[in-house]
């Protein structure tokens, strides 16, 4: 399973039918009374990981600026079309009916074309966010894999799919710090889409 699959995989309890409601309930178990044992399964809050890393914050700022620009553009277009519609309505009384109908149909056609164009821009913006997130998860794979090996674990699960976990199993804070060191804001990865090829999983060194 690729790194993105590991990060987004469901926990065993959910796979056996715990249900979607349980998937949203995440609790932390109290401190163990026995000897400390490194958890073999680690938990990661992928939403917070993306939002709080330098990479995710860069994406948030860029997308916010592009969203504001698109909103402003839509407002300007709306004002322009409203004025054109008002002008056409005012001129209707002095126009030949056939000429008015032709101009009105042309106006409606242009409005539909503009709406489709603006909708396409919005979809492209959403797709760029998905692409950035995919590039982030791909780039994060080696670093997260090393964290997993360093802690003697064998799998990392998305926190949203875990019903109950010990606090020691959550590596989100450590992962944020490690990723800020290893990939920074990811500006050189901007816009890359995942091609489905997951980064190679780091292998533990063989024991003598």
C-alpha atoms as a PDB file:
ATOM      1  CA  UNK A   1       0.000   0.000   0.000  1.00  0.00           C
ATOM      2  CA  UNK A   2       1.375   3.454  -0.918  1.00  0.00           C
ATOM      3  CA  UNK A   3       2.025   6.100   1.683  1.00  0.00           C
ATOM      4  CA  UNK A   4      -1.142   8.008   0.859  1.00  0.00           C
ATOM      5  CA  UNK A   5      -3.125   4.805   1.241  1.00  0.00           C
ATOM      6  CA  UNK A   6      -1.551   4.159   4.626  1.00  0.00           C
ATOM      7  CA  UNK A   7      -2.296   7.673   5.820  1.00  0.00           C
ATOM      8  CA  UNK A   8      -5.911   7.516   4.718  1.00  0.00           C
ATOM      9  CA  UNK A   9      -6.684   3.872   5.531  1.00  0.00           C
ATOM     10  CA  UNK A  10      -9.443   2.964   7.941  1.00  0.00           C
ATOM     11  CA  UNK A  11      -8.771   1.353  11.279  1.00  0.00           C
ATOM     12  CA  UNK A  12      -9.639  -2.325  11.764  1.00  0.00           C
ATOM     13  CA  UNK A  13     -12.600  -1.568  14.022  1.00  0.00           C
ATOM     14  CA  UNK A  14     -14.228   0.569  11.352  1.00  0.00           C
ATOM     15  CA  UNK A  15     -13.550  -2.009   8.673  1.00  0.00           C
ATOM     16  CA  UNK A  16     -15.468  -4.495  10.795  1.00  0.00           C
ATOM     17  CA  UNK A  17     -18.495  -2.228  10.980  1.00  0.00           C
ATOM     18  CA  UNK A  18     -18.035   0.313  13.768  1.00  0.00           C
ATOM     19  CA  UNK A  19     -19.946   2.786  11.579  1.00  0.00           C
ATOM     20  CA  UNK A  20     -19.403   6.375  10.379  1.00  0.00           C
ATOM     21  CA  UNK A  21     -20.509   7.961  13.622  1.00  0.00           C
ATOM     22  CA  UNK A  22     -17.812   6.155  15.530  1.00  0.00           C
ATOM     23  CA  UNK A  23     -15.246   7.190  12.947  1.00  0.00           C
ATOM     24  CA  UNK A  24     -15.711  10.808  13.969  1.00  0.00           C
ATOM     25  CA  UNK A  25     -15.239  10.096  17.697  1.00  0.00           C
ATOM     26  CA  UNK A  26     -11.590  10.131  18.672  1.00  0.00           C
ATOM     27  CA  UNK A  27     -10.577   9.645  22.280  1.00  0.00           C
ATOM     28  CA  UNK A  28      -7.264   9.328  24.006  1.00  0.00           C
ATOM     29  CA  UNK A  29      -6.710   6.626  26.569  1.00  0.00           C
ATOM     30  CA  UNK A  30      -5.248   7.574  29.911  1.00  0.00           C
ATOM     31  CA  UNK A  31      -1.637   6.865  30.795  1.00  0.00           C
ATOM     32  CA  UNK A  32      -0.762   3.208  31.084  1.00  0.00           C
ATOM     33  CA  UNK A  33       0.126   1.864  34.522  1.00  0.00           C
ATOM     34  CA  UNK A  34       2.534  -0.780  33.221  1.00  0.00           C
ATOM     35  CA  UNK A  35       5.918  -0.433  31.512  1.00  0.00           C
ATOM     36  CA  UNK A  36       5.970   1.971  28.568  1.00  0.00           C
ATOM     37  CA  UNK A  37       5.801   0.075  25.280  1.00  0.00           C
ATOM     38  CA  UNK A  38       6.282   1.885  21.946  1.00  0.00           C
ATOM     39  CA  UNK A  39       3.011   1.719  19.987  1.00  0.00           C
ATOM     40  CA  UNK A  40       3.137  -0.398  16.830  1.00  0.00           C
ATOM     41  CA  UNK A  41       0.369   1.732  15.295  1.00  0.00           C
ATOM     42  CA  UNK A  42       0.747   5.506  15.123  1.00  0.00           C
ATOM     43  CA  UNK A  43      -2.004   8.077  14.672  1.00  0.00           C
ATOM     44  CA  UNK A  44      -1.809  11.200  12.522  1.00  0.00           C
ATOM     45  CA  UNK A  45      -4.263  14.084  12.142  1.00  0.00           C
ATOM     46  CA  UNK A  46      -3.805  14.656   8.400  1.00  0.00           C
ATOM     47  CA  UNK A  47      -6.054  17.732   8.305  1.00  0.00           C
ATOM     48  CA  UNK A  48      -4.047  19.476  11.021  1.00  0.00           C
ATOM     49  CA  UNK A  49      -0.823  18.222   9.496  1.00  0.00           C
ATOM     50  CA  UNK A  50      -1.631  19.997   6.227  1.00  0.00           C
ATOM     51  CA  UNK A  51      -3.089  23.111   7.847  1.00  0.00           C
ATOM     52  CA  UNK A  52      -0.271  23.742  10.317  1.00  0.00           C
ATOM     53  CA  UNK A  53       2.807  22.934   8.255  1.00  0.00           C
ATOM     54  CA  UNK A  54       4.586  25.679   6.324  1.00  0.00           C
ATOM     55  CA  UNK A  55       3.467  23.879   3.162  1.00  0.00           C
ATOM     56  CA  UNK A  56      -0.213  23.982   4.068  1.00  0.00           C
ATOM     57  CA  UNK A  57      -0.059  27.576   5.261  1.00  0.00           C
ATOM     58  CA  UNK A  58       1.505  28.638   1.956  1.00  0.00           C
ATOM     59  CA  UNK A  59      -1.277  26.893   0.045  1.00  0.00           C
ATOM     60  CA  UNK A  60      -3.918  28.501   2.267  1.00  0.00           C
ATOM     61  CA  UNK A  61      -2.530  31.982   1.637  1.00  0.00           C
ATOM     62  CA  UNK A  62      -2.249  31.463  -2.115  1.00  0.00           C
ATOM     63  CA  UNK A  63      -5.714  29.952  -2.455  1.00  0.00           C
ATOM     64  CA  UNK A  64      -7.193  32.692  -0.288  1.00  0.00           C
ATOM     65  CA  UNK A  65      -5.714  35.370  -2.545  1.00  0.00           C
ATOM     66  CA  UNK A  66      -6.946  33.618  -5.691  1.00  0.00           C
ATOM     67  CA  UNK A  67     -10.393  33.137  -4.182  1.00  0.00           C
ATOM     68  CA  UNK A  68     -10.654  36.818  -3.267  1.00  0.00           C
ATOM     69  CA  UNK A  69      -9.596  37.782  -6.796  1.00  0.00           C
ATOM     70  CA  UNK A  70     -12.220  35.492  -8.323  1.00  0.00           C
ATOM     71  CA  UNK A  71     -14.932  36.887  -6.049  1.00  0.00           C
ATOM     72  CA  UNK A  72     -13.996  40.437  -7.036  1.00  0.00           C
ATOM     73  CA  UNK A  73     -13.999  39.479 -10.710  1.00  0.00           C
ATOM     74  CA  UNK A  74     -17.460  37.936 -10.361  1.00  0.00           C
ATOM     75  CA  UNK A  75     -18.732  41.120  -8.751  1.00  0.00           C
ATOM     76  CA  UNK A  76     -17.390  43.266 -11.597  1.00  0.00           C
ATOM     77  CA  UNK A  77     -18.933  40.983 -14.197  1.00  0.00           C
ATOM     78  CA  UNK A  78     -22.254  40.972 -12.361  1.00  0.00           C
ATOM     79  CA  UNK A  79     -22.303  44.772 -12.241  1.00  0.00           C
ATOM     80  CA  UNK A  80     -21.481  45.004 -15.937  1.00  0.00           C
ATOM     81  CA  UNK A  81     -24.163  42.516 -16.959  1.00  0.00           C
ATOM     82  CA  UNK A  82     -26.731  44.208 -14.739  1.00  0.00           C
ATOM     83  CA  UNK A  83     -26.034  47.526 -16.457  1.00  0.00           C
ATOM     84  CA  UNK A  84     -26.290  45.955 -19.911  1.00  0.00           C
ATOM     85  CA  UNK A  85     -29.592  44.308 -19.005  1.00  0.00           C
ATOM     86  CA  UNK A  86     -30.946  47.607 -17.679  1.00  0.00           C
ATOM     87  CA  UNK A  87     -29.915  49.390 -20.880  1.00  0.00           C
ATOM     88  CA  UNK A  88     -31.558  46.761 -23.051  1.00  0.00           C
ATOM     89  CA  UNK A  89     -34.770  46.952 -21.046  1.00  0.00           C
ATOM     90  CA  UNK A  90     -34.876  50.736 -21.329  1.00  0.00           C
ATOM     91  CA  UNK A  91     -34.336  50.620 -25.104  1.00  0.00           C
ATOM     92  CA  UNK A  92     -36.969  47.978 -25.701  1.00  0.00           C
ATOM     93  CA  UNK A  93     -39.793  50.493 -26.237  1.00  0.00           C
ATOM     94  CA  UNK A  94     -37.914  52.154 -29.102  1.00  0.00           C
ATOM     95  CA  UNK A  95     -36.625  48.970 -30.758  1.00  0.00           C
ATOM     96  CA  UNK A  96     -38.101  46.781 -33.466  1.00  0.00           C
ATOM     97  CA  UNK A  97     -39.427  43.616 -31.735  1.00  0.00           C
ATOM     98  CA  UNK A  98     -37.299  41.351 -33.916  1.00  0.00           C
ATOM     99  CA  UNK A  99     -34.185  43.411 -33.229  1.00  0.00           C
ATOM    100  CA  UNK A 100     -34.887  43.391 -29.489  1.00  0.00           C
ATOM    101  CA  UNK A 101     -35.417  39.633 -29.485  1.00  0.00           C
ATOM    102  CA  UNK A 102     -32.168  39.082 -31.367  1.00  0.00           C
ATOM    103  CA  UNK A 103     -30.200  41.293 -28.981  1.00  0.00           C
ATOM    104  CA  UNK A 104     -31.847  39.725 -25.929  1.00  0.00           C
ATOM    105  CA  UNK A 105     -30.997  36.219 -27.117  1.00  0.00           C
ATOM    106  CA  UNK A 106     -27.408  37.254 -27.785  1.00  0.00           C
ATOM    107  CA  UNK A 107     -27.219  38.721 -24.278  1.00  0.00           C
ATOM    108  CA  UNK A 108     -28.578  35.528 -22.709  1.00  0.00           C
ATOM    109  CA  UNK A 109     -26.101  33.430 -24.689  1.00  0.00           C
ATOM    110  CA  UNK A 110     -23.213  35.578 -23.483  1.00  0.00           C
ATOM    111  CA  UNK A 111     -24.433  35.384 -19.881  1.00  0.00           C
ATOM    112  CA  UNK A 112     -24.483  31.580 -20.053  1.00  0.00           C
ATOM    113  CA  UNK A 113     -20.991  31.506 -21.563  1.00  0.00           C
ATOM    114  CA  UNK A 114     -19.652  33.800 -18.841  1.00  0.00           C
ATOM    115  CA  UNK A 115     -21.274  31.691 -16.134  1.00  0.00           C
ATOM    116  CA  UNK A 116     -19.665  28.536 -17.512  1.00  0.00           C
ATOM    117  CA  UNK A 117     -16.301  30.273 -17.717  1.00  0.00           C
ATOM    118  CA  UNK A 118     -16.463  31.469 -14.111  1.00  0.00           C
ATOM    119  CA  UNK A 119     -17.646  28.059 -12.906  1.00  0.00           C
ATOM    120  CA  UNK A 120     -14.656  26.514 -14.676  1.00  0.00           C
ATOM    121  CA  UNK A 121     -12.328  28.911 -12.858  1.00  0.00           C
ATOM    122  CA  UNK A 122     -13.843  27.895  -9.525  1.00  0.00           C
ATOM    123  CA  UNK A 123     -13.433  24.199 -10.338  1.00  0.00           C
ATOM    124  CA  UNK A 124      -9.833  24.800 -11.378  1.00  0.00           C
ATOM    125  CA  UNK A 125      -9.189  26.499  -8.050  1.00  0.00           C
ATOM    126  CA  UNK A 126     -10.623  23.539  -6.145  1.00  0.00           C
ATOM    127  CA  UNK A 127      -8.599  21.120  -8.256  1.00  0.00           C
ATOM    128  CA  UNK A 128      -5.422  23.062  -7.542  1.00  0.00           C
ATOM    129  CA  UNK A 129      -6.028  22.626  -3.809  1.00  0.00           C
ATOM    130  CA  UNK A 130      -6.455  18.872  -4.293  1.00  0.00           C
ATOM    131  CA  UNK A 131      -3.285  18.767  -6.384  1.00  0.00           C
ATOM    132  CA  UNK A 132      -1.322  20.657  -3.731  1.00  0.00           C
ATOM    133  CA  UNK A 133      -2.596  18.334  -1.004  1.00  0.00           C
ATOM    134  CA  UNK A 134      -1.670  15.308  -3.096  1.00  0.00           C
ATOM    135  CA  UNK A 135       1.819  16.691  -3.713  1.00  0.00           C
ATOM    136  CA  UNK A 136       2.141  17.352   0.017  1.00  0.00           C
ATOM    137  CA  UNK A 137       1.203  13.804   1.016  1.00  0.00           C
ATOM    138  CA  UNK A 138       3.551  12.344  -1.582  1.00  0.00           C
ATOM    139  CA  UNK A 139       6.432  14.549  -0.424  1.00  0.00           C
ATOM    140  CA  UNK A 140       5.655  13.772   3.222  1.00  0.00           C
ATOM    141  CA  UNK A 141       5.947  10.006   2.725  1.00  0.00           C
ATOM    142  CA  UNK A 142       9.674   9.544   3.333  1.00  0.00           C
ATOM    143  CA  UNK A 143       9.691  11.800   6.401  1.00  0.00           C
ATOM    144  CA  UNK A 144       6.642  10.114   7.913  1.00  0.00           C
ATOM    145  CA  UNK A 145       8.119   6.730   7.105  1.00  0.00           C
ATOM    146  CA  UNK A 146      11.283   7.594   8.967  1.00  0.00           C
ATOM    147  CA  UNK A 147       9.241   8.769  11.968  1.00  0.00           C
ATOM    148  CA  UNK A 148       7.401   5.466  11.892  1.00  0.00           C
ATOM    149  CA  UNK A 149      10.618   3.457  11.850  1.00  0.00           C
ATOM    150  CA  UNK A 150      12.259   5.604  14.504  1.00  0.00           C
ATOM    151  CA  UNK A 151       9.358   4.842  16.832  1.00  0.00           C
ATOM    152  CA  UNK A 152       9.333   1.143  16.073  1.00  0.00           C
ATOM    153  CA  UNK A 153       5.859   1.244  14.535  1.00  0.00           C
ATOM    154  CA  UNK A 154       4.561  -0.604  11.493  1.00  0.00           C
ATOM    155  CA  UNK A 155       1.639   1.557  10.355  1.00  0.00           C
ATOM    156  CA  UNK A 156       0.274   5.108  10.518  1.00  0.00           C
ATOM    157  CA  UNK A 157      -3.495   5.662  10.555  1.00  0.00           C
ATOM    158  CA  UNK A 158      -5.554   8.792   9.975  1.00  0.00           C
ATOM    159  CA  UNK A 159      -6.802  10.012  13.368  1.00  0.00           C
ATOM    160  CA  UNK A 160     -10.332  10.485  11.997  1.00  0.00           C
ATOM    161  CA  UNK A 161     -10.689   6.746  11.481  1.00  0.00           C
ATOM    162  CA  UNK A 162      -9.490   5.776  14.966  1.00  0.00           C
ATOM    163  CA  UNK A 163     -12.003   5.188  17.756  1.00  0.00           C
ATOM    164  CA  UNK A 164      -9.567   5.080  20.678  1.00  0.00           C
ATOM    165  CA  UNK A 165      -5.840   5.699  20.950  1.00  0.00           C
ATOM    166  CA  UNK A 166      -3.194   6.459  23.548  1.00  0.00           C
ATOM    167  CA  UNK A 167      -1.768   9.970  23.522  1.00  0.00           C
ATOM    168  CA  UNK A 168       1.691   8.537  22.846  1.00  0.00           C
ATOM    169  CA  UNK A 169       0.459   7.137  19.532  1.00  0.00           C
ATOM    170  CA  UNK A 170      -0.303  10.587  18.079  1.00  0.00           C
ATOM    171  CA  UNK A 171       2.680  11.897  16.112  1.00  0.00           C
ATOM    172  CA  UNK A 172       1.020  14.944  14.534  1.00  0.00           C
ATOM    173  CA  UNK A 173       3.124  17.546  16.360  1.00  0.00           C
ATOM    174  CA  UNK A 174       6.349  15.673  15.681  1.00  0.00           C
ATOM    175  CA  UNK A 175       5.366  15.217  12.035  1.00  0.00           C
ATOM    176  CA  UNK A 176       4.680  18.940  11.577  1.00  0.00           C
ATOM    177  CA  UNK A 177       8.117  19.828  12.943  1.00  0.00           C
ATOM    178  CA  UNK A 178       9.842  17.167  10.854  1.00  0.00           C
ATOM    179  CA  UNK A 179       8.078  18.166   7.630  1.00  0.00           C
ATOM    180  CA  UNK A 180       8.837  21.848   8.119  1.00  0.00           C
ATOM    181  CA  UNK A 181      12.493  20.840   8.271  1.00  0.00           C
ATOM    182  CA  UNK A 182      12.437  18.392   5.369  1.00  0.00           C
ATOM    183  CA  UNK A 183      10.180  20.031   2.757  1.00  0.00           C
ATOM    184  CA  UNK A 184       9.543  23.543   4.098  1.00  0.00           C
ATOM    185  CA  UNK A 185       6.722  25.382   2.341  1.00  0.00           C
ATOM    186  CA  UNK A 186       6.995  23.118  -0.701  1.00  0.00           C
ATOM    187  CA  UNK A 187       7.053  26.005  -3.170  1.00  0.00           C
ATOM    188  CA  UNK A 188       9.142  23.892  -5.542  1.00  0.00           C
ATOM    189  CA  UNK A 189       6.384  21.245  -5.499  1.00  0.00           C
ATOM    190  CA  UNK A 190       3.545  23.707  -6.168  1.00  0.00           C
ATOM    191  CA  UNK A 191       0.837  22.395  -8.461  1.00  0.00           C
ATOM    192  CA  UNK A 192       2.292  18.909  -8.795  1.00  0.00           C
ATOM    193  CA  UNK A 193      -0.289  16.176  -9.021  1.00  0.00           C
ATOM    194  CA  UNK A 194       0.194  12.747  -7.620  1.00  0.00           C
ATOM    195  CA  UNK A 195       0.884  10.280 -10.432  1.00  0.00           C
ATOM    196  CA  UNK A 196      -0.177   7.357  -8.305  1.00  0.00           C
ATOM    197  CA  UNK A 197       3.399   6.234  -7.640  1.00  0.00           C
ATOM    198  CA  UNK A 198       3.909   6.374  -3.915  1.00  0.00           C
ATOM    199  CA  UNK A 199       7.359   7.150  -2.543  1.00  0.00           C
ATOM    200  CA  UNK A 200       9.385   4.102  -1.684  1.00  0.00           C
ATOM    201  CA  UNK A 201       8.802   2.905   1.856  1.00  0.00           C
ATOM    202  CA  UNK A 202      11.935   3.271   3.991  1.00  0.00           C
ATOM    203  CA  UNK A 203      13.195  -0.091   5.161  1.00  0.00           C
ATOM    204  CA  UNK A 204      14.710  -0.754   8.577  1.00  0.00           C
ATOM    205  CA  UNK A 205      18.360  -1.766   8.543  1.00  0.00           C
ATOM    206  CA  UNK A 206      18.921  -5.485   8.717  1.00  0.00           C
ATOM    207  CA  UNK A 207      20.056  -6.791  12.051  1.00  0.00           C
ATOM    208  CA  UNK A 208      23.374  -8.657  12.269  1.00  0.00           C
END
